[in-house]
Amino acid sequence: MFPSTQQTYETNIRLPFSFILFGVAAFIASEAMLLFSGTSLVQGAFRIPSVWAAMHLAVLGWALMVAMGAMYQLVPVAFLTPIWNETLGFVQFFITALGIFLLSISFLWKMEFVFFAGLLLMLGFVLFFIQMAMTLKKQPAKNIMTLFVSTALFCLLLTVSLGIALSFHFFSGSKIADHVFMLKTHLLLGIAGWFTLLIIGFSYKMVPMFSLAHGFSMTLARYVYTFYVSGLAVTFFSFFMNSSALFASGTGLLLLGFALFSYHIVTILRKRVKKKLDRPFLFALFAIAIALCLHGFAFLFAIIGNTAGFGVIIYGYLFGWIILSIVGYLYKIVPFLWWTHRYSQKIGKENVPTLKQMINEKCTVFTCGLFLVSFIGVILALIVSSLPLFYVAQGGMVAFSLLFAGTIIAVLRK
């Protein structure tokens, strides 16, 4: 589990949980909104206000806020340095949460106001960037994880800047650059840049931690970083030059980088002491396999020129890789954080629950299974354009979001 250094660099428990609980509420809302957007989605109409609102609520309100909350807890543990300014963290939370709420409302109500909500979000992200930059600056010894996380933060800053530029189009009615180029880059840097680099970076801490792996080499991580970041750069230039050959090369490098990461995780797991891995953690590992397959499909589609299929790939990547990773890790992180907060000082003084008693593992298996079945159902519904199948599968996603929220609340009541 988490090393003892966590005690030395402990973060105020209310800070990470503020982000996590907001994220859980946003996830429920986003899944319900997607359910009511079924007609448009099965017809391939992804670029409409209701879908934008739902997806930004899922990506920003759920995935990003949870990632931020987790970073406030994991960065001190992984990099052996306390959070620079916790008060700034709470200020950043309220600004970012308000910005996400206003952004979602603006998409649904009046697109021209998206720009102003985006500016508020930009302020929140800049504060987060400053917070993490100042925290990482104090790290005693930099390592490859520092490089992954720092690059991820840089991608986040670029993603938000591009989002502001895109929202300015709706506000002013004028174009400051090519809209399609900025949209593609916005998606690339946000999904494959910020989220993927962040998950890869912290996986190098959490996979050994949750599997009790020791004596593994981190040399391969340098090649993972080199190939994956090179893939991001080449793909960016393919958008800029509108080159299908460069696009295929970029997706190929991304595939190679992620394949090396997947192989590296396998080699780390071979060094584990814990032979039977916890089930929620297995789902986080399964998300890696899903992402590897999707990278393969992206490379294949880039070669044959099937750009129409990327809408489904992006959805699959968001939910099958990013969101499933977050869910799998949260099922491990939340019980530990709450147990540490409530019971760590009571050991030896009174009876306290064990860490395993903090969460019903059978329930987590059922909910994650429901997520996977619903996820596959939505993917199939989008591929074959089946509205009935979409409603059933997306209804399963809504049910999962409610069950997930119930599980987190149940932990906090113990």
Protein backbone atom coordinates (compact mmCIF):
# COMPACT_ATOMS: atom_id res chain seq x y z
CA MET A 1 0.00 0.00 0.00
CA PHE A 2 1.13 3.60 0.36
CA PRO A 3 4.58 4.03 1.86
CA SER A 4 5.17 5.53 5.26
CA THR A 5 6.38 8.79 3.70
CA GLN A 6 2.72 9.59 3.11
CA GLN A 7 2.46 10.45 6.81
CA THR A 8 5.25 12.99 6.55
CA TYR A 9 3.75 14.79 3.59
CA GLU A 10 0.08 14.38 4.48
CA THR A 11 -2.40 16.63 2.66
CA ASN A 12 -5.54 18.01 4.31
CA ILE A 13 -8.06 15.24 3.56
CA ARG A 14 -10.77 17.75 2.63
CA LEU A 15 -8.76 18.98 -0.35
CA PRO A 16 -8.58 15.77 -2.44
CA PHE A 17 -12.08 14.72 -1.41
CA SER A 18 -13.54 18.07 -2.50
CA PHE A 19 -12.35 17.32 -6.03
CA ILE A 20 -13.34 13.65 -5.92
CA LEU A 21 -16.89 14.22 -4.65
CA PHE A 22 -17.49 16.99 -7.19
CA GLY A 23 -16.21 14.63 -9.86
CA VAL A 24 -18.59 11.84 -8.82
CA ALA A 25 -21.58 14.21 -9.01
CA ALA A 26 -20.44 15.51 -12.41
CA PHE A 27 -20.08 11.93 -13.69
CA ILE A 28 -23.69 11.11 -12.82
CA ALA A 29 -24.90 14.28 -14.55
CA SER A 30 -22.79 13.67 -17.66
CA GLU A 31 -24.00 10.09 -18.10
CA ALA A 32 -27.63 11.18 -17.74
CA MET A 33 -27.07 13.92 -20.34
CA LEU A 34 -25.50 11.44 -22.76
CA LEU A 35 -28.51 9.17 -22.31
CA PHE A 36 -30.80 11.94 -23.54
CA SER A 37 -28.48 12.67 -26.48
CA GLY A 38 -28.80 9.16 -27.88
CA THR A 39 -30.53 10.09 -31.13
CA SER A 40 -27.74 12.44 -32.14
CA LEU A 41 -24.92 10.15 -31.03
CA VAL A 42 -26.04 7.05 -32.95
CA GLN A 43 -26.30 9.23 -36.06
CA GLY A 44 -22.66 10.26 -35.61
CA ALA A 45 -23.54 13.84 -34.62
CA PHE A 46 -20.90 14.40 -31.94
CA ARG A 47 -20.35 18.13 -32.54
CA ILE A 48 -23.60 19.48 -31.09
CA PRO A 49 -24.06 21.58 -27.90
CA SER A 50 -25.77 18.90 -25.78
CA VAL A 51 -23.04 16.34 -26.53
CA TRP A 52 -20.32 18.93 -25.96
CA ALA A 53 -21.87 19.79 -22.59
CA ALA A 54 -22.07 16.14 -21.53
CA MET A 55 -18.56 15.25 -22.70
CA HIS A 56 -16.96 18.32 -21.12
CA LEU A 57 -18.78 17.49 -17.89
CA ALA A 58 -17.42 13.93 -18.08
CA VAL A 59 -13.90 14.95 -19.08
CA LEU A 60 -13.51 18.13 -17.02
CA GLY A 61 -16.04 17.67 -14.23
CA TRP A 62 -15.31 13.99 -13.62
CA ALA A 63 -11.97 12.83 -15.02
CA LEU A 64 -10.01 16.09 -14.67
CA MET A 65 -11.33 17.04 -11.22
CA VAL A 66 -10.68 13.55 -9.87
CA ALA A 67 -7.20 13.60 -11.41
CA MET A 68 -6.50 16.93 -9.74
CA GLY A 69 -7.78 15.68 -6.40
CA ALA A 70 -5.70 12.54 -6.67
CA MET A 71 -2.62 14.59 -7.54
CA TYR A 72 -3.03 16.65 -4.37
CA GLN A 73 -2.68 13.37 -2.48
CA LEU A 74 -0.31 11.38 -4.71
CA VAL A 75 2.26 14.05 -5.61
CA PRO A 76 3.50 14.38 -2.00
CA VAL A 77 3.70 10.57 -1.76
CA ALA A 78 5.34 9.97 -5.13
CA PHE A 79 7.74 12.92 -5.11
CA LEU A 80 8.41 13.21 -1.36
CA THR A 81 7.48 16.88 -1.14
CA PRO A 82 4.47 18.58 0.50
CA ILE A 83 1.87 20.52 -1.46
CA TRP A 84 3.15 24.05 -1.91
CA ASN A 85 0.04 25.92 -0.69
CA GLU A 86 -3.08 24.06 0.49
CA THR A 87 -5.12 27.26 0.82
CA LEU A 88 -4.48 27.95 -2.85
CA GLY A 89 -5.70 24.41 -3.52
CA PHE A 90 -9.12 25.16 -2.02
CA VAL A 91 -9.33 28.47 -3.91
CA GLN A 92 -8.42 26.64 -7.12
CA PHE A 93 -11.10 24.02 -6.44
CA PHE A 94 -13.92 26.53 -6.09
CA ILE A 95 -12.84 28.52 -9.16
CA THR A 96 -12.47 25.38 -11.30
CA ALA A 97 -15.74 23.83 -10.09
CA LEU A 98 -17.64 27.04 -10.81
CA GLY A 99 -16.01 27.30 -14.23
CA ILE A 100 -17.00 23.73 -15.15
CA PHE A 101 -20.59 24.29 -14.01
CA LEU A 102 -20.89 27.54 -15.99
CA LEU A 103 -19.26 25.96 -19.04
CA SER A 104 -21.78 23.12 -19.11
CA ILE A 105 -24.69 25.54 -18.69
CA SER A 106 -23.30 27.77 -21.45
CA PHE A 107 -23.11 24.87 -23.93
CA LEU A 108 -26.78 24.13 -23.31
CA TRP A 109 -28.10 27.68 -22.98
CA LYS A 110 -26.00 30.23 -24.86
CA MET A 111 -22.82 29.25 -26.71
CA GLU A 112 -21.52 32.82 -26.70
CA PHE A 113 -21.01 32.58 -22.92
CA VAL A 114 -18.70 29.57 -23.24
CA PHE A 115 -15.81 32.00 -23.68
CA PHE A 116 -16.37 33.65 -20.28
CA ALA A 117 -16.77 30.30 -18.51
CA GLY A 118 -13.59 29.21 -20.27
CA LEU A 119 -11.69 32.21 -18.91
CA LEU A 120 -12.74 31.25 -15.38
CA LEU A 121 -11.63 27.68 -16.04
CA MET A 122 -8.34 28.98 -17.42
CA LEU A 123 -7.74 30.81 -14.14
CA GLY A 124 -8.40 27.62 -12.19
CA PHE A 125 -6.05 25.59 -14.37
CA VAL A 126 -3.30 28.22 -14.19
CA LEU A 127 -3.54 28.17 -10.39
CA PHE A 128 -3.29 24.37 -10.47
CA PHE A 129 -0.32 24.56 -12.84
CA ILE A 130 1.45 27.02 -10.52
CA GLN A 131 0.63 24.84 -7.51
CA MET A 132 2.09 21.71 -9.07
CA ALA A 133 5.07 23.51 -10.61
CA MET A 134 6.04 24.97 -7.24
CA THR A 135 5.48 21.61 -5.54
CA LEU A 136 7.57 19.65 -8.05
CA LYS A 137 10.26 22.33 -7.90
CA LYS A 138 10.89 21.32 -4.28
CA GLN A 139 11.34 17.64 -5.15
CA PRO A 140 14.73 16.51 -3.78
CA ALA A 141 15.63 14.25 -6.73
CA LYS A 142 13.95 14.45 -10.13
CA ASN A 143 13.11 11.20 -11.94
CA ILE A 144 11.26 9.89 -15.00
CA MET A 145 7.92 10.28 -13.20
CA THR A 146 8.68 13.98 -12.82
CA LEU A 147 9.14 14.19 -16.59
CA PHE A 148 5.84 12.43 -17.33
CA VAL A 149 3.85 14.56 -14.89
CA SER A 150 5.52 17.84 -15.91
CA THR A 151 4.88 17.15 -19.60
CA ALA A 152 1.28 16.21 -18.80
CA LEU A 153 0.80 19.54 -17.01
CA PHE A 154 2.27 21.38 -19.99
CA CYS A 155 -0.17 19.55 -22.30
CA LEU A 156 -3.02 20.54 -19.98
CA LEU A 157 -2.04 24.20 -20.22
CA LEU A 158 -1.92 24.01 -24.03
CA THR A 159 -5.25 22.15 -24.13
CA VAL A 160 -6.97 24.82 -22.07
CA SER A 161 -5.44 27.61 -24.17
CA LEU A 162 -6.76 25.98 -27.34
CA GLY A 163 -10.15 25.57 -25.68
CA ILE A 164 -10.21 29.30 -24.93
CA ALA A 165 -9.33 30.06 -28.56
CA LEU A 166 -12.12 27.77 -29.78
CA SER A 167 -14.64 29.36 -27.43
CA PHE A 168 -13.60 32.80 -28.69
CA HIS A 169 -14.94 31.77 -32.09
CA PHE A 170 -18.42 31.37 -30.63
CA PHE A 171 -18.14 34.61 -28.69
CA SER A 172 -16.85 36.87 -31.46
CA GLY A 173 -17.93 35.06 -34.61
CA SER A 174 -14.40 35.51 -35.98
CA LYS A 175 -11.59 33.03 -36.51
CA ILE A 176 -8.10 33.62 -35.18
CA ALA A 177 -6.84 30.32 -36.64
CA ASP A 178 -8.04 27.21 -38.42
CA HIS A 179 -10.93 25.86 -36.35
CA VAL A 180 -10.52 22.18 -37.32
CA PHE A 181 -6.77 22.26 -36.64
CA MET A 182 -7.32 23.72 -33.16
CA LEU A 183 -10.11 21.23 -32.37
CA LYS A 184 -7.97 18.24 -33.37
CA THR A 185 -5.01 19.54 -31.37
CA HIS A 186 -7.29 20.30 -28.41
CA LEU A 187 -8.43 16.66 -28.39
CA LEU A 188 -4.94 15.26 -28.98
CA LEU A 189 -3.20 17.19 -26.20
CA GLY A 190 -6.09 16.82 -23.77
CA ILE A 191 -6.72 13.10 -24.16
CA ALA A 192 -3.42 11.59 -25.33
CA GLY A 193 -1.24 14.33 -23.83
CA TRP A 194 -2.55 15.36 -20.42
CA PHE A 195 -4.52 12.32 -19.30
CA THR A 196 -2.42 9.54 -20.81
CA LEU A 197 0.96 10.94 -19.75
CA LEU A 198 -0.42 11.55 -16.26
CA ILE A 199 -1.82 8.02 -15.90
CA ILE A 200 1.38 6.49 -17.28
CA GLY A 201 3.49 8.55 -14.90
CA PHE A 202 1.53 7.66 -11.78
CA SER A 203 1.12 4.04 -12.89
CA TYR A 204 4.86 3.70 -12.40
CA LYS A 205 4.19 4.48 -8.72
CA MET A 206 0.84 2.78 -8.14
CA VAL A 207 1.40 -0.50 -10.01
CA PRO A 208 4.45 -1.45 -7.89
CA MET A 209 2.67 -0.13 -4.81
CA PHE A 210 -0.51 -2.16 -5.24
CA SER A 211 1.29 -5.30 -6.44
CA LEU A 212 4.22 -5.08 -3.99
CA ALA A 213 6.73 -5.26 -6.84
CA HIS A 214 10.44 -4.75 -6.16
CA GLY A 215 13.72 -4.98 -8.04
CA PHE A 216 12.41 -3.93 -11.46
CA SER A 217 14.21 -1.68 -13.92
CA MET A 218 12.86 1.74 -14.94
CA THR A 219 15.12 2.05 -17.99
CA LEU A 220 12.31 1.22 -20.41
CA ALA A 221 10.28 4.19 -19.12
CA ARG A 222 12.68 6.54 -20.92
CA TYR A 223 11.85 4.90 -24.25
CA VAL A 224 8.14 4.97 -23.43
CA TYR A 225 8.39 8.72 -22.88
CA THR A 226 10.52 9.32 -25.98
CA PHE A 227 8.31 7.41 -28.41
CA TYR A 228 5.00 8.59 -26.97
CA VAL A 229 5.90 12.28 -26.80
CA SER A 230 7.43 12.03 -30.29
CA GLY A 231 4.10 10.58 -31.43
CA LEU A 232 2.27 13.55 -29.96
CA ALA A 233 4.63 15.96 -31.74
CA VAL A 234 4.39 14.21 -35.13
CA THR A 235 0.60 13.96 -34.88
CA PHE A 236 0.44 17.67 -34.06
CA PHE A 237 2.47 18.52 -37.16
CA SER A 238 0.26 16.21 -39.23
CA PHE A 239 -2.73 18.36 -38.24
CA PHE A 240 -0.79 21.54 -38.98
CA MET A 241 0.35 20.35 -42.41
CA ASN A 242 -2.81 18.34 -43.12
CA SER A 243 -0.65 15.32 -43.97
CA SER A 244 -2.14 11.83 -43.84
CA ALA A 245 1.35 10.27 -44.04
CA LEU A 246 2.52 12.21 -40.99
CA PHE A 247 -0.72 11.34 -39.19
CA ALA A 248 -0.10 7.63 -39.76
CA SER A 249 3.49 8.07 -38.55
CA GLY A 250 2.32 9.91 -35.44
CA THR A 251 -0.29 7.32 -34.51
CA GLY A 252 2.34 4.63 -35.14
CA LEU A 253 4.74 6.26 -32.69
CA LEU A 254 1.94 6.62 -30.14
CA LEU A 255 1.15 2.92 -30.56
CA LEU A 256 4.82 1.99 -30.15
CA GLY A 257 5.18 4.13 -27.03
CA PHE A 258 2.04 2.72 -25.44
CA ALA A 259 3.00 -0.85 -26.39
CA LEU A 260 6.34 -0.37 -24.63
CA PHE A 261 4.50 0.99 -21.59
CA SER A 262 2.18 -2.04 -21.57
CA TYR A 263 5.15 -4.40 -21.80
CA HIS A 264 6.95 -2.49 -19.04
CA ILE A 265 3.96 -2.88 -16.73
CA VAL A 266 3.99 -6.63 -17.43
CA THR A 267 7.68 -6.82 -16.49
CA ILE A 268 7.00 -4.90 -13.27
CA LEU A 269 4.14 -7.25 -12.35
CA ARG A 270 6.44 -10.24 -12.86
CA LYS A 271 8.54 -8.87 -9.98
CA ARG A 272 5.58 -8.64 -7.61
CA VAL A 273 5.43 -10.28 -4.19
CA LYS A 274 1.63 -10.12 -4.03
CA LYS A 275 0.51 -13.00 -6.24
CA LYS A 276 -3.25 -12.40 -5.97
CA LEU A 277 -3.97 -8.84 -7.04
CA ASP A 278 -6.99 -6.95 -5.71
CA ARG A 279 -9.90 -7.03 -8.12
CA PRO A 280 -10.43 -3.26 -8.49
CA PHE A 281 -6.75 -2.94 -9.38
CA LEU A 282 -7.20 -5.60 -12.09
CA PHE A 283 -9.74 -3.34 -13.81
CA ALA A 284 -7.19 -0.51 -13.88
CA LEU A 285 -4.75 -2.93 -15.50
CA PHE A 286 -7.41 -4.08 -17.96
CA ALA A 287 -7.83 -0.44 -19.01
CA ILE A 288 -4.23 -0.56 -20.27
CA ALA A 289 -5.14 -3.46 -22.57
CA ILE A 290 -8.16 -1.54 -23.87
CA ALA A 291 -6.04 1.53 -24.60
CA LEU A 292 -3.43 -0.57 -26.40
CA CYS A 293 -6.12 -2.04 -28.67
CA LEU A 294 -7.54 1.41 -29.37
CA HIS A 295 -4.08 2.75 -30.23
CA GLY A 296 -3.81 -0.15 -32.67
CA PHE A 297 -7.15 0.70 -34.27
CA ALA A 298 -6.17 4.38 -34.49
CA PHE A 299 -2.97 3.42 -36.34
CA LEU A 300 -4.90 1.10 -38.66
CA PHE A 301 -7.56 3.71 -39.42
CA ALA A 302 -4.86 6.32 -40.05
CA ILE A 303 -3.18 4.03 -42.59
CA ILE A 304 -6.38 3.23 -44.51
CA GLY A 305 -7.70 6.79 -44.21
CA ASN A 306 -10.85 5.94 -42.21
CA THR A 307 -11.27 9.20 -40.32
CA ALA A 308 -14.98 8.56 -39.69
CA GLY A 309 -14.11 5.86 -37.15
CA PHE A 310 -12.15 8.20 -34.88
CA GLY A 311 -15.28 9.44 -33.13
CA VAL A 312 -15.88 5.95 -31.74
CA ILE A 313 -12.16 5.54 -30.93
CA ILE A 314 -12.13 8.80 -28.97
CA TYR A 315 -15.22 7.75 -26.99
CA GLY A 316 -13.65 4.35 -26.35
CA TYR A 317 -10.37 5.93 -25.26
CA LEU A 318 -12.09 8.32 -22.86
CA PHE A 319 -14.21 5.68 -21.18
CA GLY A 320 -12.28 2.44 -21.68
CA TRP A 321 -8.85 3.85 -20.82
CA ILE A 322 -9.09 7.12 -18.91
CA ILE A 323 -12.30 6.69 -16.93
CA LEU A 324 -11.84 2.96 -16.22
CA SER A 325 -8.28 3.67 -15.00
CA ILE A 326 -9.60 6.36 -12.66
CA VAL A 327 -12.38 4.10 -11.38
CA GLY A 328 -10.01 1.19 -10.75
CA TYR A 329 -7.48 3.32 -8.89
CA LEU A 330 -10.13 5.24 -6.91
CA TYR A 331 -11.51 1.98 -5.55
CA LYS A 332 -8.05 1.51 -4.03
CA ILE A 333 -7.17 5.09 -3.11
CA VAL A 334 -10.41 6.32 -1.48
CA PRO A 335 -10.66 3.54 1.17
CA PHE A 336 -7.01 4.01 2.09
CA LEU A 337 -7.28 7.80 2.40
CA TRP A 338 -10.39 7.57 4.56
CA TRP A 339 -9.01 4.75 6.69
CA THR A 340 -5.82 6.72 7.30
CA HIS A 341 -7.83 9.82 8.22
CA ARG A 342 -10.28 8.05 10.53
CA TYR A 343 -8.38 5.17 12.09
CA SER A 344 -4.59 5.47 11.72
CA GLN A 345 -4.26 7.18 15.12
CA LYS A 346 -6.56 4.65 16.82
CA ILE A 347 -4.52 1.51 16.09
CA GLY A 348 -3.72 -0.28 19.36
CA LYS A 349 -6.17 1.88 21.31
CA GLU A 350 -9.48 0.46 20.06
CA ASN A 351 -10.85 -1.96 17.51
CA VAL A 352 -10.58 -0.52 14.01
CA PRO A 353 -11.73 -1.98 10.69
CA THR A 354 -9.15 -3.43 8.36
CA LEU A 355 -8.51 -1.78 5.02
CA LYS A 356 -10.32 -4.63 3.25
CA GLN A 357 -13.40 -3.98 5.39
CA MET A 358 -13.60 -0.39 4.17
CA ILE A 359 -15.06 -1.42 0.80
CA ASN A 360 -17.13 -4.32 -0.48
CA GLU A 361 -14.87 -5.88 -3.09
CA LYS A 362 -17.67 -8.04 -4.51
CA CYS A 363 -19.67 -4.87 -5.11
CA THR A 364 -16.73 -3.27 -6.92
CA VAL A 365 -16.43 -6.30 -9.19
CA PHE A 366 -20.13 -6.08 -10.04
CA THR A 367 -20.02 -2.33 -10.72
CA CYS A 368 -16.87 -2.54 -12.84
CA GLY A 369 -18.39 -5.47 -14.71
CA LEU A 370 -21.49 -3.38 -15.34
CA PHE A 371 -19.25 -0.58 -16.60
CA LEU A 372 -17.46 -2.86 -19.06
CA VAL A 373 -20.67 -4.43 -20.39
CA SER A 374 -22.27 -0.99 -20.78
CA PHE A 375 -19.12 0.41 -22.38
CA ILE A 376 -19.01 -2.38 -24.96
CA GLY A 377 -22.74 -1.92 -25.57
CA VAL A 378 -22.36 1.80 -26.25
CA ILE A 379 -19.44 1.17 -28.62
CA LEU A 380 -21.47 -1.40 -30.56
CA ALA A 381 -24.49 0.92 -30.62
CA LEU A 382 -22.38 3.71 -32.11
CA ILE A 383 -20.85 1.36 -34.70
CA VAL A 384 -24.17 -0.14 -35.90
CA SER A 385 -26.22 3.03 -35.22
CA SER A 386 -28.70 1.22 -32.96
CA LEU A 387 -30.73 3.59 -30.79
CA PRO A 388 -32.41 0.84 -28.67
CA LEU A 389 -29.03 -0.74 -27.90
CA PHE A 390 -27.61 2.68 -27.04
CA TYR A 391 -30.42 3.39 -24.57
CA VAL A 392 -29.93 0.03 -22.83
CA ALA A 393 -26.14 0.36 -22.68
CA GLN A 394 -26.10 4.02 -21.69
CA GLY A 395 -28.76 3.27 -19.09
CA GLY A 396 -26.25 0.80 -17.69
CA MET A 397 -23.67 3.60 -17.58
CA VAL A 398 -26.09 5.78 -15.61
CA ALA A 399 -26.72 2.89 -13.21
CA PHE A 400 -22.97 2.38 -12.84
CA SER A 401 -22.40 6.05 -12.01
CA LEU A 402 -25.05 5.87 -9.27
CA LEU A 403 -23.64 2.62 -7.85
CA PHE A 404 -20.12 4.05 -7.93
CA ALA A 405 -21.29 7.14 -6.04
CA GLY A 406 -23.04 4.91 -3.51
CA THR A 407 -19.85 2.89 -2.98
CA ILE A 408 -17.78 6.02 -2.34
CA ILE A 409 -20.40 7.38 0.08
CA ALA A 410 -20.51 4.03 1.88
CA VAL A 411 -16.75 4.23 2.43
CA LEU A 412 -17.02 7.75 3.84
CA ARG A 413 -19.71 6.64 6.31
CA LYS A 414 -17.42 4.07 7.94
